[in-house]
Amino acid sequence: MGMSAMGLALFSEMLKHTRLGVSPRSVLAFGYPDILASPEQIRQIFGQDVFEKLVFRADSADIIRWHNASDITDRVVDTFSLFSTLGLRLEVSDVVEARGGEVIIDLNHPCSASLHGRYDVLLDSGTLEHCFNIAQAAKNMAELARIGGCILHGNPMNMYNHGFYNLNPTWYADFYGDNGFDVLYLRAEENPLRAPAFHDVPRYNRFQLDVKDVTLSCIVRKVESRSIVWPVQTKYKNNPTLKI
């Protein structure tokens, strides 16, 4: 899992909408979020004072090779270093202990109730689409967020066989709209790692977008805690001939 310069900029913007007056704010990332941005991009997003405190990973070359990102950067910032400098306490979740120290969570199954409402920020930079039981995975994420906290998603809209699923804007708008969240941001991005192009997309209406390998980025904020329900798609809620 990687965070591009575009993803970091969205993340920085999202932090303005999370709970205030609590430090350090707690972050749960689903999979270790490698920072796939150049030092100059990081400096521009977070400022010189933050940049000067960052640590670069000793295994940068291996990470860059894994992500095929040699045209993006020649050094990889340690994610824990960046988040701690920003006043964030990062935990990483995975289905196995991949790099060491992960919180073991299989999103296909209900999470422990002890984790409910624990996190100010949840970071899904491409995990949800790989969970076969996607409804349970979404329910888990919603329950892990505390009131006032935010979730940042970056999932595919039309990347065939990238994961089990490609998602539509209405998926986020309907699920979170019915479960106590405000949708703060929802856009499509073409080529998010390299020279991204942004596309405004409707949340509910049918549309055509004649580009491939598009990512949907979504930021939601938890306004109230509710028992999670499975939504009816808005297009059918608004059909006067249906009794729902």
C-alpha atoms as a PDB file:
ATOM      1  CA  MET A   1       0.000   0.000   0.000  1.00  0.00           C
ATOM      2  CA  GLY A   2       1.335   3.420  -0.896  1.00  0.00           C
ATOM      3  CA  MET A   3       0.510   7.077  -0.315  1.00  0.00           C
ATOM      4  CA  SER A   4       1.210   9.349  -3.276  1.00  0.00           C
ATOM      5  CA  ALA A   5       1.779  13.088  -3.047  1.00  0.00           C
ATOM      6  CA  MET A   6      -1.895  13.509  -3.930  1.00  0.00           C
ATOM      7  CA  GLY A   7      -2.887  11.128  -1.121  1.00  0.00           C
ATOM      8  CA  LEU A   8      -0.667  12.988   1.343  1.00  0.00           C
ATOM      9  CA  ALA A   9      -2.252  16.301   0.365  1.00  0.00           C
ATOM     10  CA  LEU A  10      -5.728  14.836   0.952  1.00  0.00           C
ATOM     11  CA  PHE A  11      -4.542  13.379   4.250  1.00  0.00           C
ATOM     12  CA  SER A  12      -3.208  16.770   5.337  1.00  0.00           C
ATOM     13  CA  GLU A  13      -6.534  18.387   4.448  1.00  0.00           C
ATOM     14  CA  MET A  14      -8.485  15.684   6.267  1.00  0.00           C
ATOM     15  CA  LEU A  15      -6.592  16.331   9.517  1.00  0.00           C
ATOM     16  CA  LYS A  16      -8.244  19.748   9.668  1.00  0.00           C
ATOM     17  CA  HIS A  17     -11.638  18.028   9.997  1.00  0.00           C
ATOM     18  CA  THR A  18     -10.812  15.547  12.774  1.00  0.00           C
ATOM     19  CA  ARG A  19     -11.324  15.993  16.500  1.00  0.00           C
ATOM     20  CA  LEU A  20      -9.560  19.078  17.849  1.00  0.00           C
ATOM     21  CA  GLY A  21      -7.754  19.458  21.156  1.00  0.00           C
ATOM     22  CA  VAL A  22      -6.653  15.825  21.385  1.00  0.00           C
ATOM     23  CA  SER A  23      -2.979  14.984  20.951  1.00  0.00           C
ATOM     24  CA  PRO A  24      -1.620  12.720  19.764  1.00  0.00           C
ATOM     25  CA  ARG A  25      -4.514  11.778  17.521  1.00  0.00           C
ATOM     26  CA  SER A  26      -4.723   8.047  16.836  1.00  0.00           C
ATOM     27  CA  VAL A  27      -4.446   6.701  13.295  1.00  0.00           C
ATOM     28  CA  LEU A  28      -5.108   3.170  12.083  1.00  0.00           C
ATOM     29  CA  ALA A  29      -3.762   2.344   8.626  1.00  0.00           C
ATOM     30  CA  PHE A  30      -4.915  -0.799   6.861  1.00  0.00           C
ATOM     31  CA  GLY A  31      -1.598  -2.098   5.563  1.00  0.00           C
ATOM     32  CA  TYR A  32       1.691  -0.224   5.989  1.00  0.00           C
ATOM     33  CA  PRO A  33       1.394   3.056   4.036  1.00  0.00           C
ATOM     34  CA  ASP A  34       4.670   3.531   2.156  1.00  0.00           C
ATOM     35  CA  ILE A  35       5.233   7.204   1.326  1.00  0.00           C
ATOM     36  CA  LEU A  36       5.574   7.336  -2.471  1.00  0.00           C
ATOM     37  CA  ALA A  37       6.371  11.015  -2.848  1.00  0.00           C
ATOM     38  CA  SER A  38       9.590  12.907  -3.437  1.00  0.00           C
ATOM     39  CA  PRO A  39      11.275  14.877  -0.648  1.00  0.00           C
ATOM     40  CA  GLU A  40      10.335  18.119  -2.412  1.00  0.00           C
ATOM     41  CA  GLN A  41       6.671  17.114  -2.649  1.00  0.00           C
ATOM     42  CA  ILE A  42       6.642  16.265   1.061  1.00  0.00           C
ATOM     43  CA  ARG A  43       8.246  19.605   1.880  1.00  0.00           C
ATOM     44  CA  GLN A  44       5.625  21.461  -0.156  1.00  0.00           C
ATOM     45  CA  ILE A  45       2.719  19.648   1.522  1.00  0.00           C
ATOM     46  CA  PHE A  46       3.824  19.731   5.156  1.00  0.00           C
ATOM     47  CA  GLY A  47       6.357  22.573   5.301  1.00  0.00           C
ATOM     48  CA  GLN A  48      10.050  22.879   6.017  1.00  0.00           C
ATOM     49  CA  ASP A  49       9.711  22.551   9.814  1.00  0.00           C
ATOM     50  CA  VAL A  50       8.084  19.119   9.454  1.00  0.00           C
ATOM     51  CA  PHE A  51      10.419  18.018   6.682  1.00  0.00           C
ATOM     52  CA  GLU A  52      13.563  18.715   8.721  1.00  0.00           C
ATOM     53  CA  LYS A  53      12.433  16.256  11.416  1.00  0.00           C
ATOM     54  CA  LEU A  54      11.761  13.323   9.102  1.00  0.00           C
ATOM     55  CA  VAL A  55      13.689  10.072   8.958  1.00  0.00           C
ATOM     56  CA  PHE A  56      14.239   8.170   5.719  1.00  0.00           C
ATOM     57  CA  ARG A  57      14.020   4.402   5.608  1.00  0.00           C
ATOM     58  CA  ALA A  58      17.224   2.377   5.321  1.00  0.00           C
ATOM     59  CA  ASP A  59      15.405  -0.044   2.983  1.00  0.00           C
ATOM     60  CA  SER A  60      14.266   2.732   0.623  1.00  0.00           C
ATOM     61  CA  ALA A  61      15.728   0.994  -2.434  1.00  0.00           C
ATOM     62  CA  ASP A  62      13.744  -2.192  -1.752  1.00  0.00           C
ATOM     63  CA  ILE A  63      10.489  -0.279  -1.239  1.00  0.00           C
ATOM     64  CA  ILE A  64      11.006   1.784  -4.396  1.00  0.00           C
ATOM     65  CA  ARG A  65      11.712  -1.393  -6.365  1.00  0.00           C
ATOM     66  CA  TRP A  66       8.602  -3.098  -4.948  1.00  0.00           C
ATOM     67  CA  HIS A  67       6.350  -0.209  -6.007  1.00  0.00           C
ATOM     68  CA  ASN A  68       8.210   0.421  -9.292  1.00  0.00           C
ATOM     69  CA  ALA A  69       8.548   4.022  -8.143  1.00  0.00           C
ATOM     70  CA  SER A  70      12.101   4.959  -9.175  1.00  0.00           C
ATOM     71  CA  ASP A  71      10.704   7.806 -11.295  1.00  0.00           C
ATOM     72  CA  ILE A  72       8.910   9.252  -8.252  1.00  0.00           C
ATOM     73  CA  THR A  73      11.573   9.341  -5.549  1.00  0.00           C
ATOM     74  CA  ASP A  74      15.009   8.030  -4.606  1.00  0.00           C
ATOM     75  CA  ARG A  75      14.299   8.020  -0.856  1.00  0.00           C
ATOM     76  CA  VAL A  76      11.324   6.857   1.194  1.00  0.00           C
ATOM     77  CA  VAL A  77      10.264   8.704   4.328  1.00  0.00           C
ATOM     78  CA  ASP A  78       9.552   6.495   7.323  1.00  0.00           C
ATOM     79  CA  THR A  79       5.797   6.747   7.804  1.00  0.00           C
ATOM     80  CA  PHE A  80       5.969   6.534  11.602  1.00  0.00           C
ATOM     81  CA  SER A  81       8.427   9.442  11.537  1.00  0.00           C
ATOM     82  CA  LEU A  82       6.081  11.589   9.434  1.00  0.00           C
ATOM     83  CA  PHE A  83       2.978  10.807  11.445  1.00  0.00           C
ATOM     84  CA  SER A  84       4.612  11.364  14.834  1.00  0.00           C
ATOM     85  CA  THR A  85       5.967  14.709  13.631  1.00  0.00           C
ATOM     86  CA  LEU A  86       2.399  15.644  12.701  1.00  0.00           C
ATOM     87  CA  GLY A  87       1.193  14.787  16.213  1.00  0.00           C
ATOM     88  CA  LEU A  88      -0.299  11.441  15.231  1.00  0.00           C
ATOM     89  CA  ARG A  89       0.052   8.015  16.848  1.00  0.00           C
ATOM     90  CA  LEU A  90       0.120   5.466  14.024  1.00  0.00           C
ATOM     91  CA  GLU A  91      -0.954   1.860  14.295  1.00  0.00           C
ATOM     92  CA  VAL A  92      -0.855  -0.473  11.307  1.00  0.00           C
ATOM     93  CA  SER A  93      -3.366  -3.260  10.823  1.00  0.00           C
ATOM     94  CA  ASP A  94      -3.040  -6.295   8.586  1.00  0.00           C
ATOM     95  CA  VAL A  95      -4.351  -9.819   8.299  1.00  0.00           C
ATOM     96  CA  VAL A  96      -0.819 -11.091   9.074  1.00  0.00           C
ATOM     97  CA  GLU A  97       2.240  -9.612  10.751  1.00  0.00           C
ATOM     98  CA  ALA A  98       3.995  -8.485   7.577  1.00  0.00           C
ATOM     99  CA  ARG A  99       6.558  -5.957   8.846  1.00  0.00           C
ATOM    100  CA  GLY A 100       6.218  -6.457  12.564  1.00  0.00           C
ATOM    101  CA  GLY A 101       3.996  -4.892  15.191  1.00  0.00           C
ATOM    102  CA  GLU A 102       0.743  -4.913  13.204  1.00  0.00           C
ATOM    103  CA  VAL A 103      -2.656  -5.001  14.858  1.00  0.00           C
ATOM    104  CA  ILE A 104      -3.993  -8.270  13.436  1.00  0.00           C
ATOM    105  CA  ILE A 105      -7.474  -7.699  11.987  1.00  0.00           C
ATOM    106  CA  ASP A 106      -9.224  -9.761   9.336  1.00  0.00           C
ATOM    107  CA  LEU A 107     -11.746  -7.265   8.012  1.00  0.00           C
ATOM    108  CA  ASN A 108     -13.850 -10.095   6.577  1.00  0.00           C
ATOM    109  CA  HIS A 109     -14.986 -10.840  10.136  1.00  0.00           C
ATOM    110  CA  PRO A 110     -16.342  -8.616  12.937  1.00  0.00           C
ATOM    111  CA  CYS A 111     -13.665  -6.684  14.812  1.00  0.00           C
ATOM    112  CA  SER A 112     -13.350  -6.892  18.564  1.00  0.00           C
ATOM    113  CA  ALA A 113     -15.757  -4.522  20.273  1.00  0.00           C
ATOM    114  CA  SER A 114     -12.795  -3.296  22.326  1.00  0.00           C
ATOM    115  CA  LEU A 115     -11.571  -1.471  19.201  1.00  0.00           C
ATOM    116  CA  HIS A 116     -14.849   0.323  18.492  1.00  0.00           C
ATOM    117  CA  GLY A 117     -14.567   4.108  18.620  1.00  0.00           C
ATOM    118  CA  ARG A 118     -10.832   3.967  19.229  1.00  0.00           C
ATOM    119  CA  TYR A 119      -9.396   5.908  16.271  1.00  0.00           C
ATOM    120  CA  ASP A 120      -9.453   9.532  15.154  1.00  0.00           C
ATOM    121  CA  VAL A 121      -8.309   8.650  11.638  1.00  0.00           C
ATOM    122  CA  LEU A 122      -8.621   5.485   9.571  1.00  0.00           C
ATOM    123  CA  LEU A 123      -6.538   5.203   6.423  1.00  0.00           C
ATOM    124  CA  ASP A 124      -7.647   2.892   3.621  1.00  0.00           C
ATOM    125  CA  SER A 125      -5.252   3.458   0.746  1.00  0.00           C
ATOM    126  CA  GLY A 126      -6.426   0.436  -1.184  1.00  0.00           C
ATOM    127  CA  THR A 127      -7.506  -2.320   1.213  1.00  0.00           C
ATOM    128  CA  LEU A 128     -11.310  -2.419   1.059  1.00  0.00           C
ATOM    129  CA  GLU A 129     -11.460  -3.772  -2.501  1.00  0.00           C
ATOM    130  CA  HIS A 130      -9.360  -6.779  -1.493  1.00  0.00           C
ATOM    131  CA  CYS A 131     -11.792  -7.883   1.242  1.00  0.00           C
ATOM    132  CA  PHE A 132     -14.272 -10.413  -0.139  1.00  0.00           C
ATOM    133  CA  ASN A 133     -16.768  -9.670   2.628  1.00  0.00           C
ATOM    134  CA  ILE A 134     -16.758  -5.994   1.729  1.00  0.00           C
ATOM    135  CA  ALA A 135     -19.914  -5.108   3.676  1.00  0.00           C
ATOM    136  CA  GLN A 136     -18.422  -6.450   6.910  1.00  0.00           C
ATOM    137  CA  ALA A 137     -15.138  -4.699   6.150  1.00  0.00           C
ATOM    138  CA  ALA A 138     -16.942  -1.381   5.705  1.00  0.00           C
ATOM    139  CA  LYS A 139     -18.925  -1.972   8.904  1.00  0.00           C
ATOM    140  CA  ASN A 140     -15.689  -2.592  10.790  1.00  0.00           C
ATOM    141  CA  MET A 141     -14.128   0.620   9.535  1.00  0.00           C
ATOM    142  CA  ALA A 142     -17.197   2.644  10.469  1.00  0.00           C
ATOM    143  CA  GLU A 143     -17.259   1.148  13.969  1.00  0.00           C
ATOM    144  CA  LEU A 144     -13.533   1.673  14.590  1.00  0.00           C
ATOM    145  CA  ALA A 145     -13.847   5.441  14.045  1.00  0.00           C
ATOM    146  CA  ARG A 146     -14.705   7.587  17.030  1.00  0.00           C
ATOM    147  CA  ILE A 147     -17.224  10.415  16.812  1.00  0.00           C
ATOM    148  CA  GLY A 148     -15.541  13.376  15.143  1.00  0.00           C
ATOM    149  CA  GLY A 149     -13.012  11.116  13.462  1.00  0.00           C
ATOM    150  CA  CYS A 150     -12.450  10.692   9.743  1.00  0.00           C
ATOM    151  CA  ILE A 151     -11.882   7.872   7.263  1.00  0.00           C
ATOM    152  CA  LEU A 152      -9.848   8.383   4.099  1.00  0.00           C
ATOM    153  CA  HIS A 153     -10.477   5.897   1.286  1.00  0.00           C
ATOM    154  CA  GLY A 154      -8.580   5.435  -1.959  1.00  0.00           C
ATOM    155  CA  ASN A 155     -10.160   2.556  -3.899  1.00  0.00           C
ATOM    156  CA  PRO A 156     -10.448   1.612  -7.584  1.00  0.00           C
ATOM    157  CA  MET A 157     -13.397   2.591  -9.732  1.00  0.00           C
ATOM    158  CA  ASN A 158     -12.348   0.778 -12.924  1.00  0.00           C
ATOM    159  CA  MET A 159      -9.175  -1.239 -12.343  1.00  0.00           C
ATOM    160  CA  TYR A 160     -10.178  -4.662 -13.553  1.00  0.00           C
ATOM    161  CA  ASN A 161      -8.895  -7.604 -11.474  1.00  0.00           C
ATOM    162  CA  HIS A 162      -6.943  -5.266  -9.212  1.00  0.00           C
ATOM    163  CA  GLY A 163      -9.066  -6.568  -6.352  1.00  0.00           C
ATOM    164  CA  PHE A 164     -12.393  -8.305  -5.866  1.00  0.00           C
ATOM    165  CA  TYR A 165     -14.356  -5.087  -6.389  1.00  0.00           C
ATOM    166  CA  ASN A 166     -14.489  -1.759  -8.170  1.00  0.00           C
ATOM    167  CA  LEU A 167     -16.561   0.847  -6.316  1.00  0.00           C
ATOM    168  CA  ASN A 168     -18.946   3.591  -7.395  1.00  0.00           C
ATOM    169  CA  PRO A 169     -19.476   7.025  -5.816  1.00  0.00           C
ATOM    170  CA  THR A 170     -22.951   5.978  -4.678  1.00  0.00           C
ATOM    171  CA  TRP A 171     -21.388   3.198  -2.592  1.00  0.00           C
ATOM    172  CA  TYR A 172     -19.703   5.733  -0.299  1.00  0.00           C
ATOM    173  CA  ALA A 173     -22.540   8.258  -0.368  1.00  0.00           C
ATOM    174  CA  ASP A 174     -25.222   5.700   0.485  1.00  0.00           C
ATOM    175  CA  PHE A 175     -23.330   3.607   3.036  1.00  0.00           C
ATOM    176  CA  TYR A 176     -21.931   6.511   4.996  1.00  0.00           C
ATOM    177  CA  GLY A 177     -24.994   8.707   4.536  1.00  0.00           C
ATOM    178  CA  ASP A 178     -27.154   6.049   6.184  1.00  0.00           C
ATOM    179  CA  ASN A 179     -24.737   5.385   9.035  1.00  0.00           C
ATOM    180  CA  GLY A 180     -24.047   8.685  10.771  1.00  0.00           C
ATOM    181  CA  PHE A 181     -21.241  10.098   8.595  1.00  0.00           C
ATOM    182  CA  ASP A 182     -20.831  13.257   6.532  1.00  0.00           C
ATOM    183  CA  VAL A 183     -19.149  12.800   3.149  1.00  0.00           C
ATOM    184  CA  LEU A 184     -16.636  15.651   3.001  1.00  0.00           C
ATOM    185  CA  TYR A 185     -14.847  14.793  -0.236  1.00  0.00           C
ATOM    186  CA  LEU A 186     -15.544  12.425  -3.128  1.00  0.00           C
ATOM    187  CA  ARG A 187     -13.673  12.693  -6.423  1.00  0.00           C
ATOM    188  CA  ALA A 188     -12.167  10.467  -9.073  1.00  0.00           C
ATOM    189  CA  GLU A 189      -8.456  10.621  -9.854  1.00  0.00           C
ATOM    190  CA  GLU A 190      -6.742   9.387 -12.969  1.00  0.00           C
ATOM    191  CA  ASN A 191      -3.111   8.295 -12.553  1.00  0.00           C
ATOM    192  CA  PRO A 192      -2.901   9.286  -8.864  1.00  0.00           C
ATOM    193  CA  LEU A 193       0.782   8.368  -8.455  1.00  0.00           C
ATOM    194  CA  ARG A 194       2.065  10.285 -11.452  1.00  0.00           C
ATOM    195  CA  ALA A 195       0.635  13.585 -12.756  1.00  0.00           C
ATOM    196  CA  PRO A 196      -2.892  13.055 -11.382  1.00  0.00           C
ATOM    197  CA  ALA A 197      -5.928  14.379 -13.205  1.00  0.00           C
ATOM    198  CA  PHE A 198      -9.055  15.053 -11.154  1.00  0.00           C
ATOM    199  CA  HIS A 199     -12.623  14.351 -12.210  1.00  0.00           C
ATOM    200  CA  ASP A 200     -15.742  15.540 -10.426  1.00  0.00           C
ATOM    201  CA  VAL A 201     -18.301  12.736 -10.330  1.00  0.00           C
ATOM    202  CA  PRO A 202     -21.961  12.751  -9.252  1.00  0.00           C
ATOM    203  CA  ARG A 203     -22.703  10.887  -6.057  1.00  0.00           C
ATOM    204  CA  TYR A 204     -25.893   9.200  -7.241  1.00  0.00           C
ATOM    205  CA  ASN A 205     -26.642   9.776 -10.936  1.00  0.00           C
ATOM    206  CA  ARG A 206     -25.412   7.625 -13.813  1.00  0.00           C
ATOM    207  CA  PHE A 207     -22.371   8.993 -15.661  1.00  0.00           C
ATOM    208  CA  GLN A 208     -19.649   8.088 -18.152  1.00  0.00           C
ATOM    209  CA  LEU A 209     -15.928   8.627 -17.588  1.00  0.00           C
ATOM    210  CA  ASP A 210     -13.840   7.586 -20.573  1.00  0.00           C
ATOM    211  CA  VAL A 211     -10.544   7.029 -18.769  1.00  0.00           C
ATOM    212  CA  LYS A 212      -9.086   3.867 -17.292  1.00  0.00           C
ATOM    213  CA  ASP A 213      -7.399   2.939 -14.013  1.00  0.00           C
ATOM    214  CA  VAL A 214      -9.313   5.545 -12.013  1.00  0.00           C
ATOM    215  CA  THR A 215      -9.192   5.779  -8.225  1.00  0.00           C
ATOM    216  CA  LEU A 216     -12.026   7.137  -6.103  1.00  0.00           C
ATOM    217  CA  SER A 217     -10.876   9.172  -3.121  1.00  0.00           C
ATOM    218  CA  CYS A 218     -13.339   9.765  -0.327  1.00  0.00           C
ATOM    219  CA  ILE A 219     -13.151  11.486   3.054  1.00  0.00           C
ATOM    220  CA  VAL A 220     -15.941  10.965   5.565  1.00  0.00           C
ATOM    221  CA  ARG A 221     -16.390  12.233   9.124  1.00  0.00           C
ATOM    222  CA  LYS A 222     -18.308  10.378  11.830  1.00  0.00           C
ATOM    223  CA  VAL A 223     -21.010  12.620  13.240  1.00  0.00           C
ATOM    224  CA  GLU A 224     -22.845  10.140  15.452  1.00  0.00           C
ATOM    225  CA  SER A 225     -22.636   6.513  16.490  1.00  0.00           C
ATOM    226  CA  ARG A 226     -25.382   4.316  15.036  1.00  0.00           C
ATOM    227  CA  SER A 227     -26.080   0.632  14.621  1.00  0.00           C
ATOM    228  CA  ILE A 228     -24.789  -0.064  11.130  1.00  0.00           C
ATOM    229  CA  VAL A 229     -27.458  -0.675   8.489  1.00  0.00           C
ATOM    230  CA  TRP A 230     -27.134  -1.906   4.907  1.00  0.00           C
ATOM    231  CA  PRO A 231     -28.305   0.952   2.677  1.00  0.00           C
ATOM    232  CA  VAL A 232     -30.798   0.905  -0.141  1.00  0.00           C
ATOM    233  CA  GLN A 233     -29.305   2.645  -3.161  1.00  0.00           C
ATOM    234  CA  THR A 234     -30.544   6.223  -3.402  1.00  0.00           C
ATOM    235  CA  LYS A 235     -31.833   5.767  -6.965  1.00  0.00           C
ATOM    236  CA  TYR A 236     -34.331   3.248  -5.577  1.00  0.00           C
ATOM    237  CA  LYS A 237     -35.167   5.209  -2.443  1.00  0.00           C
ATOM    238  CA  ASN A 238     -36.301   8.013  -4.706  1.00  0.00           C
ATOM    239  CA  ASN A 239     -38.474   5.780  -6.886  1.00  0.00           C
ATOM    240  CA  PRO A 240     -42.074   6.695  -5.921  1.00  0.00           C
ATOM    241  CA  THR A 241     -43.391   3.340  -7.148  1.00  0.00           C
ATOM    242  CA  LEU A 242     -41.391   1.429  -4.515  1.00  0.00           C
ATOM    243  CA  LYS A 243     -42.472   0.992  -0.903  1.00  0.00           C
ATOM    244  CA  ILE A 244     -39.287   0.699   1.183  1.00  0.00           C
END
